[in-house]
Amino acid sequence: MTETIQKKLPGDFAIWIFIYAELMVFAIFFISYAVTRSNHVELFNESQQLLNRTAGMANTVALITSSWFVVNAVHAIKAGRELLSARWLGGALVMGGLFLAIKIFEFYTKSVEGITLSTNTFYMFYLSLTFFHFLHVVLGMVILSVVLINMRKGKYSAHETTGVETGASYWHMVDLVWIILFPLIYLIR
């Protein structure tokens, strides 16, 4: 007898429609950046050298760590360990907050240096892309906070994990976008 294994996307299906739409928007930004960069290589290389790569790398570590925490939160809720799941989500939120703090520091530094959207084409992309991503981190933290509040109210268990998986799916999209954005903006020459 052949057994059919049916796989489903984690979380609510609606979040996946939203994630795909968001990925399409970021893809358009990334393609626009790449095409524009190919026409202004020297300007992009010179401007890129003035970015704080250490801050960019710290943000990468913060988001990857937060995603690992979210994975552990999902595993914990599936095992019926709600308190542990809540702790992992709290850790993810702390790392998301660290990301935002570092990014605010970077934005502030560029502002003090007089760099704005109109400084040059590279900085227009840098500020637009990183701020757009920044807003997604904020939204992801709101989503994870709502999941955490609902978890503390007892709305999730080993038998009801959809909300946790939904929040985790969105958070992983935010992380994925940064993993593409970081080398694109900070490293690739």
N, C-alpha and C. Protein backbone atom coordinates (compact mmCIF):
# COMPACT_ATOMS: atom_id res chain seq x y z
N MET A 1 0.85 -1.17 0.00
CA MET A 1 0.00 0.00 0.00
C MET A 1 0.90 1.24 0.00
N THR A 2 0.61 2.16 -0.90
CA THR A 2 1.36 3.40 -0.99
C THR A 2 0.70 4.44 -0.11
N GLU A 3 1.53 5.04 0.72
CA GLU A 3 1.03 6.06 1.63
C GLU A 3 1.40 7.43 1.07
N THR A 4 0.43 8.30 0.98
CA THR A 4 0.67 9.65 0.49
C THR A 4 0.97 10.56 1.67
N ILE A 5 2.10 11.23 1.55
CA ILE A 5 2.47 12.18 2.59
C ILE A 5 2.07 13.56 2.09
N GLN A 6 1.25 14.21 2.88
CA GLN A 6 0.79 15.53 2.50
C GLN A 6 1.54 16.56 3.34
N LYS A 7 2.21 17.47 2.65
CA LYS A 7 2.95 18.52 3.34
C LYS A 7 2.18 19.82 3.21
N LYS A 8 2.24 20.61 4.27
CA LYS A 8 1.61 21.92 4.22
C LYS A 8 2.62 22.97 4.67
N LEU A 9 2.40 24.17 4.21
CA LEU A 9 3.25 25.27 4.64
C LEU A 9 3.00 25.53 6.12
N PRO A 10 4.05 25.88 6.86
CA PRO A 10 3.84 26.18 8.28
C PRO A 10 3.08 27.50 8.44
N GLY A 11 2.24 27.56 9.43
CA GLY A 11 1.49 28.78 9.71
C GLY A 11 0.26 28.93 8.85
N ASP A 12 -0.29 30.11 8.90
CA ASP A 12 -1.49 30.44 8.15
C ASP A 12 -1.14 30.71 6.68
N PHE A 13 -1.98 30.21 5.76
CA PHE A 13 -1.72 30.38 4.33
C PHE A 13 -1.64 31.86 3.94
N ALA A 14 -2.43 32.72 4.59
CA ALA A 14 -2.44 34.15 4.24
C ALA A 14 -1.06 34.79 4.43
N ILE A 15 -0.31 34.35 5.41
CA ILE A 15 1.02 34.95 5.62
C ILE A 15 1.93 34.64 4.44
N TRP A 16 1.71 33.48 3.81
CA TRP A 16 2.55 33.12 2.68
C TRP A 16 2.25 34.00 1.47
N ILE A 17 1.02 34.38 1.28
CA ILE A 17 0.69 35.31 0.20
C ILE A 17 1.39 36.64 0.46
N PHE A 18 1.33 37.11 1.71
CA PHE A 18 1.99 38.35 2.10
C PHE A 18 3.51 38.24 1.92
N ILE A 19 4.09 37.13 2.35
CA ILE A 19 5.54 36.92 2.22
C ILE A 19 5.95 36.94 0.75
N TYR A 20 5.21 36.24 -0.10
CA TYR A 20 5.56 36.21 -1.53
C TYR A 20 5.47 37.61 -2.13
N ALA A 21 4.45 38.38 -1.75
CA ALA A 21 4.32 39.75 -2.25
C ALA A 21 5.50 40.60 -1.80
N GLU A 22 5.88 40.47 -0.54
CA GLU A 22 7.00 41.24 -0.01
C GLU A 22 8.31 40.84 -0.70
N LEU A 23 8.50 39.57 -0.92
CA LEU A 23 9.72 39.12 -1.60
C LEU A 23 9.79 39.65 -3.03
N MET A 24 8.65 39.78 -3.67
CA MET A 24 8.62 40.34 -5.03
C MET A 24 9.04 41.82 -5.00
N VAL A 25 8.56 42.56 -4.02
CA VAL A 25 8.94 43.98 -3.89
C VAL A 25 10.44 44.10 -3.66
N PHE A 26 10.96 43.29 -2.73
CA PHE A 26 12.41 43.34 -2.48
C PHE A 26 13.19 42.91 -3.73
N ALA A 27 12.69 41.92 -4.46
CA ALA A 27 13.38 41.48 -5.68
C ALA A 27 13.47 42.62 -6.69
N ILE A 28 12.40 43.38 -6.82
CA ILE A 28 12.43 44.53 -7.73
C ILE A 28 13.46 45.56 -7.27
N PHE A 29 13.51 45.83 -5.97
CA PHE A 29 14.54 46.73 -5.43
C PHE A 29 15.94 46.20 -5.71
N PHE A 30 16.16 44.91 -5.48
CA PHE A 30 17.49 44.32 -5.66
C PHE A 30 17.91 44.37 -7.13
N ILE A 31 17.00 44.08 -8.03
CA ILE A 31 17.31 44.13 -9.46
C ILE A 31 17.61 45.56 -9.89
N SER A 32 16.82 46.50 -9.40
CA SER A 32 17.06 47.92 -9.71
C SER A 32 18.43 48.35 -9.21
N TYR A 33 18.77 47.92 -8.00
CA TYR A 33 20.08 48.24 -7.43
C TYR A 33 21.19 47.67 -8.32
N ALA A 34 21.07 46.39 -8.69
CA ALA A 34 22.11 45.73 -9.49
C ALA A 34 22.29 46.40 -10.85
N VAL A 35 21.18 46.73 -11.50
CA VAL A 35 21.27 47.38 -12.82
C VAL A 35 21.90 48.77 -12.69
N THR A 36 21.46 49.53 -11.71
CA THR A 36 22.01 50.87 -11.51
C THR A 36 23.48 50.80 -11.14
N ARG A 37 23.82 49.84 -10.28
CA ARG A 37 25.22 49.67 -9.86
C ARG A 37 26.11 49.37 -11.07
N SER A 38 25.62 48.54 -11.98
CA SER A 38 26.42 48.17 -13.15
C SER A 38 26.74 49.38 -14.03
N ASN A 39 25.92 50.43 -13.92
CA ASN A 39 26.16 51.65 -14.69
C ASN A 39 26.96 52.71 -13.92
N HIS A 40 27.20 52.48 -12.63
CA HIS A 40 27.92 53.44 -11.79
C HIS A 40 28.84 52.70 -10.81
N VAL A 41 29.65 51.80 -11.33
CA VAL A 41 30.47 50.93 -10.49
C VAL A 41 31.41 51.73 -9.59
N GLU A 42 32.11 52.70 -10.12
CA GLU A 42 33.07 53.46 -9.31
C GLU A 42 32.39 54.22 -8.18
N LEU A 43 31.28 54.88 -8.48
CA LEU A 43 30.54 55.62 -7.46
C LEU A 43 30.06 54.68 -6.36
N PHE A 44 29.52 53.53 -6.74
CA PHE A 44 29.01 52.57 -5.76
C PHE A 44 30.16 52.02 -4.91
N ASN A 45 31.29 51.68 -5.55
CA ASN A 45 32.43 51.15 -4.79
C ASN A 45 32.98 52.18 -3.81
N GLU A 46 33.12 53.42 -4.25
CA GLU A 46 33.63 54.48 -3.36
C GLU A 46 32.69 54.73 -2.19
N SER A 47 31.41 54.84 -2.47
CA SER A 47 30.43 55.11 -1.41
C SER A 47 30.32 53.93 -0.46
N GLN A 48 30.37 52.75 -1.00
CA GLN A 48 30.25 51.53 -0.20
C GLN A 48 31.38 51.42 0.83
N GLN A 49 32.56 51.92 0.49
CA GLN A 49 33.69 51.85 1.41
C GLN A 49 33.46 52.67 2.68
N LEU A 50 32.52 53.60 2.64
CA LEU A 50 32.24 54.45 3.80
C LEU A 50 31.19 53.84 4.74
N LEU A 51 30.68 52.67 4.37
CA LEU A 51 29.71 52.00 5.25
C LEU A 51 30.43 51.30 6.39
N ASN A 52 29.72 51.11 7.47
CA ASN A 52 30.27 50.43 8.64
C ASN A 52 30.00 48.93 8.51
N ARG A 53 30.97 48.20 7.96
CA ARG A 53 30.80 46.76 7.74
C ARG A 53 30.68 45.99 9.06
N THR A 54 31.34 46.48 10.08
CA THR A 54 31.24 45.81 11.38
C THR A 54 29.80 45.87 11.89
N ALA A 55 29.16 47.03 11.75
CA ALA A 55 27.76 47.15 12.15
C ALA A 55 26.88 46.25 11.29
N GLY A 56 27.15 46.21 9.99
CA GLY A 56 26.38 45.35 9.10
C GLY A 56 26.53 43.87 9.47
N MET A 57 27.75 43.47 9.81
CA MET A 57 27.98 42.08 10.21
C MET A 57 27.32 41.78 11.55
N ALA A 58 27.40 42.72 12.48
CA ALA A 58 26.74 42.54 13.79
C ALA A 58 25.23 42.37 13.59
N ASN A 59 24.67 43.15 12.68
CA ASN A 59 23.25 43.00 12.39
C ASN A 59 22.93 41.64 11.77
N THR A 60 23.82 41.15 10.95
CA THR A 60 23.63 39.83 10.35
C THR A 60 23.62 38.76 11.44
N VAL A 61 24.58 38.83 12.34
CA VAL A 61 24.65 37.87 13.45
C VAL A 61 23.39 37.98 14.32
N ALA A 62 22.94 39.21 14.59
CA ALA A 62 21.75 39.40 15.41
C ALA A 62 20.52 38.76 14.77
N LEU A 63 20.34 38.96 13.47
CA LEU A 63 19.15 38.39 12.82
C LEU A 63 19.24 36.87 12.66
N ILE A 64 20.41 36.36 12.35
CA ILE A 64 20.55 34.90 12.24
C ILE A 64 20.31 34.26 13.61
N THR A 65 20.85 34.87 14.65
CA THR A 65 20.62 34.36 16.01
C THR A 65 19.14 34.42 16.36
N SER A 66 18.49 35.51 16.03
CA SER A 66 17.06 35.63 16.33
C SER A 66 16.25 34.57 15.59
N SER A 67 16.62 34.27 14.36
CA SER A 67 15.92 33.23 13.61
C SER A 67 16.12 31.86 14.25
N TRP A 68 17.33 31.63 14.76
CA TRP A 68 17.58 30.37 15.46
C TRP A 68 16.71 30.28 16.72
N PHE A 69 16.58 31.40 17.42
CA PHE A 69 15.70 31.44 18.60
C PHE A 69 14.26 31.13 18.21
N VAL A 70 13.81 31.67 17.08
CA VAL A 70 12.44 31.44 16.62
C VAL A 70 12.24 29.97 16.25
N VAL A 71 13.24 29.37 15.61
CA VAL A 71 13.15 27.93 15.30
C VAL A 71 12.99 27.14 16.59
N ASN A 72 13.77 27.48 17.60
CA ASN A 72 13.65 26.79 18.88
C ASN A 72 12.30 27.02 19.53
N ALA A 73 11.73 28.21 19.36
CA ALA A 73 10.40 28.50 19.90
C ALA A 73 9.35 27.60 19.25
N VAL A 74 9.46 27.41 17.95
CA VAL A 74 8.51 26.54 17.24
C VAL A 74 8.66 25.09 17.72
N HIS A 75 9.90 24.62 17.82
CA HIS A 75 10.12 23.26 18.31
C HIS A 75 9.58 23.09 19.72
N ALA A 76 9.80 24.09 20.56
CA ALA A 76 9.34 24.00 21.95
C ALA A 76 7.81 23.95 22.03
N ILE A 77 7.12 24.78 21.25
CA ILE A 77 5.65 24.77 21.31
C ILE A 77 5.11 23.44 20.79
N LYS A 78 5.74 22.89 19.77
CA LYS A 78 5.30 21.59 19.24
C LYS A 78 5.51 20.47 20.25
N ALA A 79 6.47 20.66 21.15
CA ALA A 79 6.73 19.68 22.21
C ALA A 79 5.88 19.96 23.45
N GLY A 80 5.01 20.97 23.36
CA GLY A 80 4.15 21.30 24.50
C GLY A 80 4.86 22.07 25.60
N ARG A 81 5.96 22.69 25.29
CA ARG A 81 6.74 23.43 26.28
C ARG A 81 6.54 24.93 26.05
N GLU A 82 5.35 25.40 26.44
CA GLU A 82 4.95 26.78 26.18
C GLU A 82 5.88 27.81 26.83
N LEU A 83 6.26 27.58 28.07
CA LEU A 83 7.13 28.53 28.76
C LEU A 83 8.48 28.65 28.06
N LEU A 84 9.04 27.52 27.66
CA LEU A 84 10.32 27.54 26.95
C LEU A 84 10.15 28.25 25.60
N SER A 85 9.05 27.98 24.91
CA SER A 85 8.78 28.64 23.63
C SER A 85 8.71 30.15 23.82
N ALA A 86 8.04 30.58 24.89
CA ALA A 86 7.93 32.02 25.18
C ALA A 86 9.31 32.62 25.43
N ARG A 87 10.15 31.90 26.12
CA ARG A 87 11.51 32.41 26.38
C ARG A 87 12.31 32.56 25.09
N TRP A 88 12.19 31.58 24.21
CA TRP A 88 12.89 31.68 22.93
C TRP A 88 12.37 32.87 22.13
N LEU A 89 11.06 33.09 22.13
CA LEU A 89 10.50 34.24 21.42
C LEU A 89 11.01 35.54 22.04
N GLY A 90 11.09 35.59 23.36
CA GLY A 90 11.64 36.77 24.03
C GLY A 90 13.07 37.04 23.59
N GLY A 91 13.86 35.97 23.48
CA GLY A 91 15.24 36.13 23.01
C GLY A 91 15.29 36.65 21.58
N ALA A 92 14.38 36.17 20.73
CA ALA A 92 14.32 36.65 19.35
C ALA A 92 13.99 38.14 19.32
N LEU A 93 13.07 38.55 20.19
CA LEU A 93 12.71 39.97 20.25
C LEU A 93 13.90 40.83 20.72
N VAL A 94 14.66 40.32 21.67
CA VAL A 94 15.85 41.06 22.14
C VAL A 94 16.84 41.22 20.98
N MET A 95 17.06 40.16 20.22
CA MET A 95 17.99 40.25 19.10
C MET A 95 17.45 41.17 18.01
N GLY A 96 16.14 41.16 17.78
CA GLY A 96 15.54 42.10 16.84
C GLY A 96 15.74 43.53 17.32
N GLY A 97 15.59 43.76 18.62
CA GLY A 97 15.84 45.08 19.19
C GLY A 97 17.29 45.52 19.02
N LEU A 98 18.20 44.57 19.17
CA LEU A 98 19.62 44.86 18.95
C LEU A 98 19.85 45.28 17.50
N PHE A 99 19.23 44.56 16.57
CA PHE A 99 19.34 44.91 15.15
C PHE A 99 18.88 46.36 14.94
N LEU A 100 17.71 46.70 15.48
CA LEU A 100 17.18 48.04 15.30
C LEU A 100 18.10 49.10 15.91
N ALA A 101 18.66 48.82 17.08
CA ALA A 101 19.56 49.78 17.74
C ALA A 101 20.81 50.03 16.88
N ILE A 102 21.38 48.97 16.35
CA ILE A 102 22.56 49.11 15.51
C ILE A 102 22.22 49.89 14.24
N LYS A 103 21.08 49.57 13.66
CA LYS A 103 20.67 50.25 12.42
C LYS A 103 20.41 51.73 12.68
N ILE A 104 19.77 52.04 13.81
CA ILE A 104 19.54 53.45 14.17
C ILE A 104 20.88 54.17 14.32
N PHE A 105 21.85 53.50 14.94
CA PHE A 105 23.19 54.07 15.07
C PHE A 105 23.78 54.37 13.69
N GLU A 106 23.64 53.43 12.76
CA GLU A 106 24.15 53.64 11.40
C GLU A 106 23.45 54.82 10.72
N PHE A 107 22.11 54.86 10.83
CA PHE A 107 21.36 55.97 10.23
C PHE A 107 21.79 57.30 10.83
N TYR A 108 21.95 57.33 12.15
CA TYR A 108 22.37 58.55 12.83
C TYR A 108 23.75 58.99 12.35
N THR A 109 24.68 58.04 12.27
CA THR A 109 26.04 58.35 11.82
C THR A 109 26.03 58.94 10.42
N LYS A 110 25.28 58.35 9.53
CA LYS A 110 25.22 58.87 8.15
C LYS A 110 24.57 60.25 8.14
N SER A 111 23.57 60.45 8.97
CA SER A 111 22.91 61.76 9.05
C SER A 111 23.88 62.83 9.52
N VAL A 112 24.68 62.52 10.55
CA VAL A 112 25.67 63.47 11.07
C VAL A 112 26.71 63.78 10.00
N GLU A 113 27.03 62.79 9.17
CA GLU A 113 27.99 63.00 8.09
C GLU A 113 27.39 63.80 6.93
N GLY A 114 26.09 64.11 7.04
CA GLY A 114 25.42 64.88 5.98
C GLY A 114 24.93 64.04 4.83
N ILE A 115 24.89 62.74 5.02
CA ILE A 115 24.46 61.84 3.95
C ILE A 115 22.94 61.69 3.99
N THR A 116 22.31 61.93 2.84
CA THR A 116 20.86 61.82 2.71
C THR A 116 20.53 61.02 1.45
N LEU A 117 19.25 60.89 1.20
CA LEU A 117 18.80 60.20 -0.02
C LEU A 117 19.32 60.89 -1.29
N SER A 118 19.54 62.19 -1.21
CA SER A 118 19.98 62.94 -2.40
C SER A 118 21.50 63.10 -2.51
N THR A 119 22.26 62.50 -1.60
CA THR A 119 23.72 62.61 -1.67
C THR A 119 24.25 62.03 -2.98
N ASN A 120 23.88 60.81 -3.28
CA ASN A 120 24.20 60.19 -4.57
C ASN A 120 23.32 58.95 -4.75
N THR A 121 23.44 58.32 -5.90
CA THR A 121 22.58 57.19 -6.23
C THR A 121 22.81 56.01 -5.28
N PHE A 122 24.05 55.76 -4.90
CA PHE A 122 24.31 54.65 -3.98
C PHE A 122 23.59 54.88 -2.67
N TYR A 123 23.74 56.07 -2.09
CA TYR A 123 23.12 56.33 -0.79
C TYR A 123 21.59 56.36 -0.88
N MET A 124 21.06 56.74 -2.03
CA MET A 124 19.61 56.66 -2.22
C MET A 124 19.17 55.20 -2.06
N PHE A 125 19.90 54.28 -2.69
CA PHE A 125 19.56 52.86 -2.56
C PHE A 125 19.84 52.35 -1.16
N TYR A 126 21.02 52.69 -0.63
CA TYR A 126 21.39 52.22 0.71
C TYR A 126 20.34 52.62 1.74
N LEU A 127 20.01 53.89 1.79
CA LEU A 127 19.05 54.37 2.80
C LEU A 127 17.65 53.83 2.54
N SER A 128 17.24 53.78 1.29
CA SER A 128 15.89 53.28 0.96
C SER A 128 15.74 51.80 1.30
N LEU A 129 16.70 51.01 0.83
CA LEU A 129 16.62 49.55 1.06
C LEU A 129 16.74 49.20 2.53
N THR A 130 17.70 49.80 3.21
CA THR A 130 17.88 49.43 4.62
C THR A 130 16.75 49.97 5.49
N PHE A 131 16.18 51.12 5.15
CA PHE A 131 15.05 51.62 5.94
C PHE A 131 13.80 50.79 5.67
N PHE A 132 13.60 50.39 4.43
CA PHE A 132 12.46 49.53 4.09
C PHE A 132 12.58 48.21 4.86
N HIS A 133 13.78 47.66 4.91
CA HIS A 133 13.99 46.44 5.68
C HIS A 133 13.79 46.71 7.18
N PHE A 134 14.29 47.83 7.66
CA PHE A 134 14.12 48.23 9.06
C PHE A 134 12.64 48.19 9.45
N LEU A 135 11.79 48.73 8.58
CA LEU A 135 10.34 48.72 8.85
C LEU A 135 9.80 47.29 8.92
N HIS A 136 10.35 46.40 8.11
CA HIS A 136 9.94 44.99 8.16
C HIS A 136 10.37 44.33 9.46
N VAL A 137 11.54 44.70 9.96
CA VAL A 137 11.97 44.18 11.26
C VAL A 137 11.00 44.66 12.35
N VAL A 138 10.63 45.93 12.29
CA VAL A 138 9.67 46.46 13.27
C VAL A 138 8.36 45.68 13.19
N LEU A 139 7.84 45.48 11.99
CA LEU A 139 6.60 44.71 11.83
C LEU A 139 6.77 43.29 12.34
N GLY A 140 7.90 42.67 12.04
CA GLY A 140 8.17 41.32 12.53
C GLY A 140 8.19 41.26 14.05
N MET A 141 8.74 42.29 14.66
CA MET A 141 8.78 42.33 16.13
C MET A 141 7.37 42.52 16.70
N VAL A 142 6.54 43.29 16.02
CA VAL A 142 5.15 43.44 16.45
C VAL A 142 4.44 42.10 16.37
N ILE A 143 4.63 41.39 15.26
CA ILE A 143 4.01 40.08 15.09
C ILE A 143 4.48 39.11 16.17
N LEU A 144 5.80 39.04 16.39
CA LEU A 144 6.32 38.14 17.43
C LEU A 144 5.83 38.54 18.82
N SER A 145 5.67 39.82 19.06
CA SER A 145 5.15 40.28 20.36
C SER A 145 3.70 39.83 20.56
N VAL A 146 2.91 39.93 19.51
CA VAL A 146 1.52 39.47 19.59
C VAL A 146 1.48 37.96 19.84
N VAL A 147 2.34 37.23 19.14
CA VAL A 147 2.42 35.77 19.35
C VAL A 147 2.80 35.49 20.81
N LEU A 148 3.78 36.21 21.31
CA LEU A 148 4.23 36.01 22.70
C LEU A 148 3.11 36.33 23.69
N ILE A 149 2.39 37.40 23.48
CA ILE A 149 1.26 37.76 24.36
C ILE A 149 0.20 36.67 24.32
N ASN A 150 -0.12 36.21 23.12
CA ASN A 150 -1.12 35.14 22.98
C ASN A 150 -0.65 33.84 23.61
N MET A 151 0.64 33.58 23.53
CA MET A 151 1.19 32.37 24.15
C MET A 151 1.02 32.44 25.67
N ARG A 152 1.31 33.60 26.22
CA ARG A 152 1.17 33.78 27.67
C ARG A 152 -0.29 33.68 28.11
N LYS A 153 -1.21 33.94 27.19
CA LYS A 153 -2.65 33.80 27.49
C LYS A 153 -3.12 32.35 27.30
N GLY A 154 -2.20 31.48 26.89
CA GLY A 154 -2.54 30.07 26.73
C GLY A 154 -3.19 29.72 25.41
N LYS A 155 -3.03 30.55 24.40
CA LYS A 155 -3.69 30.30 23.10
C LYS A 155 -2.94 29.29 22.23
N TYR A 156 -1.69 28.97 22.59
CA TYR A 156 -0.91 28.02 21.80
C TYR A 156 -0.51 26.84 22.66
N SER A 157 -0.41 25.69 22.01
CA SER A 157 -0.02 24.46 22.68
C SER A 157 0.55 23.53 21.63
N ALA A 158 0.86 22.31 22.05
CA ALA A 158 1.38 21.32 21.10
C ALA A 158 0.33 20.99 20.03
N HIS A 159 -0.94 21.24 20.34
CA HIS A 159 -2.02 20.95 19.40
C HIS A 159 -2.43 22.16 18.57
N GLU A 160 -1.98 23.34 18.98
CA GLU A 160 -2.30 24.57 18.24
C GLU A 160 -1.05 25.43 18.12
N THR A 161 -0.36 25.23 16.99
CA THR A 161 0.92 25.92 16.76
C THR A 161 0.87 26.91 15.60
N THR A 162 -0.28 27.04 14.97
CA THR A 162 -0.39 27.85 13.76
C THR A 162 0.11 29.28 13.95
N GLY A 163 -0.31 29.93 15.03
CA GLY A 163 0.11 31.32 15.27
C GLY A 163 1.61 31.46 15.42
N VAL A 164 2.21 30.53 16.14
CA VAL A 164 3.67 30.58 16.33
C VAL A 164 4.37 30.35 14.99
N GLU A 165 3.89 29.39 14.22
CA GLU A 165 4.49 29.11 12.91
C GLU A 165 4.31 30.28 11.95
N THR A 166 3.17 30.96 12.04
CA THR A 166 2.91 32.12 11.19
C THR A 166 3.91 33.23 11.49
N GLY A 167 4.07 33.55 12.77
CA GLY A 167 5.04 34.58 13.16
C GLY A 167 6.45 34.18 12.77
N ALA A 168 6.78 32.92 12.96
CA ALA A 168 8.12 32.43 12.62
C ALA A 168 8.38 32.54 11.12
N SER A 169 7.37 32.22 10.31
CA SER A 169 7.53 32.30 8.86
C SER A 169 7.84 33.72 8.41
N TYR A 170 7.11 34.68 8.96
CA TYR A 170 7.36 36.07 8.60
C TYR A 170 8.76 36.49 9.06
N TRP A 171 9.13 36.11 10.28
CA TRP A 171 10.44 36.50 10.81
C TRP A 171 11.57 35.92 9.95
N HIS A 172 11.41 34.70 9.48
CA HIS A 172 12.44 34.10 8.64
C HIS A 172 12.54 34.83 7.30
N MET A 173 11.42 35.35 6.79
CA MET A 173 11.47 36.14 5.56
C MET A 173 12.30 37.40 5.78
N VAL A 174 12.10 38.05 6.93
CA VAL A 174 12.86 39.26 7.27
C VAL A 174 14.35 38.93 7.33
N ASP A 175 14.69 37.82 7.92
CA ASP A 175 16.08 37.38 8.01
C ASP A 175 16.64 37.07 6.63
N LEU A 176 15.88 36.35 5.82
CA LEU A 176 16.32 36.00 4.47
C LEU A 176 16.64 37.25 3.65
N VAL A 177 15.77 38.24 3.73
CA VAL A 177 15.99 39.47 2.97
C VAL A 177 17.29 40.14 3.41
N TRP A 178 17.56 40.16 4.72
CA TRP A 178 18.80 40.78 5.19
C TRP A 178 20.02 39.99 4.71
N ILE A 179 19.92 38.67 4.68
CA ILE A 179 21.04 37.84 4.24
C ILE A 179 21.39 38.14 2.77
N ILE A 180 20.42 38.58 2.00
CA ILE A 180 20.68 39.01 0.62
C ILE A 180 21.14 40.46 0.60
N LEU A 181 20.48 41.29 1.40
CA LEU A 181 20.75 42.74 1.41
C LEU A 181 22.15 43.06 1.92
N PHE A 182 22.59 42.39 2.98
CA PHE A 182 23.90 42.69 3.57
C PHE A 182 25.04 42.57 2.56
N PRO A 183 25.23 41.42 1.91
CA PRO A 183 26.35 41.36 0.96
C PRO A 183 26.14 42.27 -0.25
N LEU A 184 24.89 42.40 -0.69
CA LEU A 184 24.61 43.23 -1.85
C LEU A 184 25.04 44.68 -1.61
N ILE A 185 24.69 45.23 -0.47
CA ILE A 185 24.97 46.62 -0.16
C ILE A 185 26.37 46.82 0.44
N TYR A 186 26.76 45.95 1.35
CA TYR A 186 27.99 46.19 2.12
C TYR A 186 29.24 45.55 1.52
N LEU A 187 29.12 44.43 0.80
CA LEU A 187 30.30 43.65 0.45
C LEU A 187 30.63 43.53 -1.01
N ILE A 188 29.65 43.25 -1.85
CA ILE A 188 29.91 42.94 -3.25
C ILE A 188 30.46 44.16 -3.99
N ARG A 189 31.57 43.95 -4.66
CA ARG A 189 32.23 45.03 -5.42
C ARG A 189 32.31 44.65 -6.88
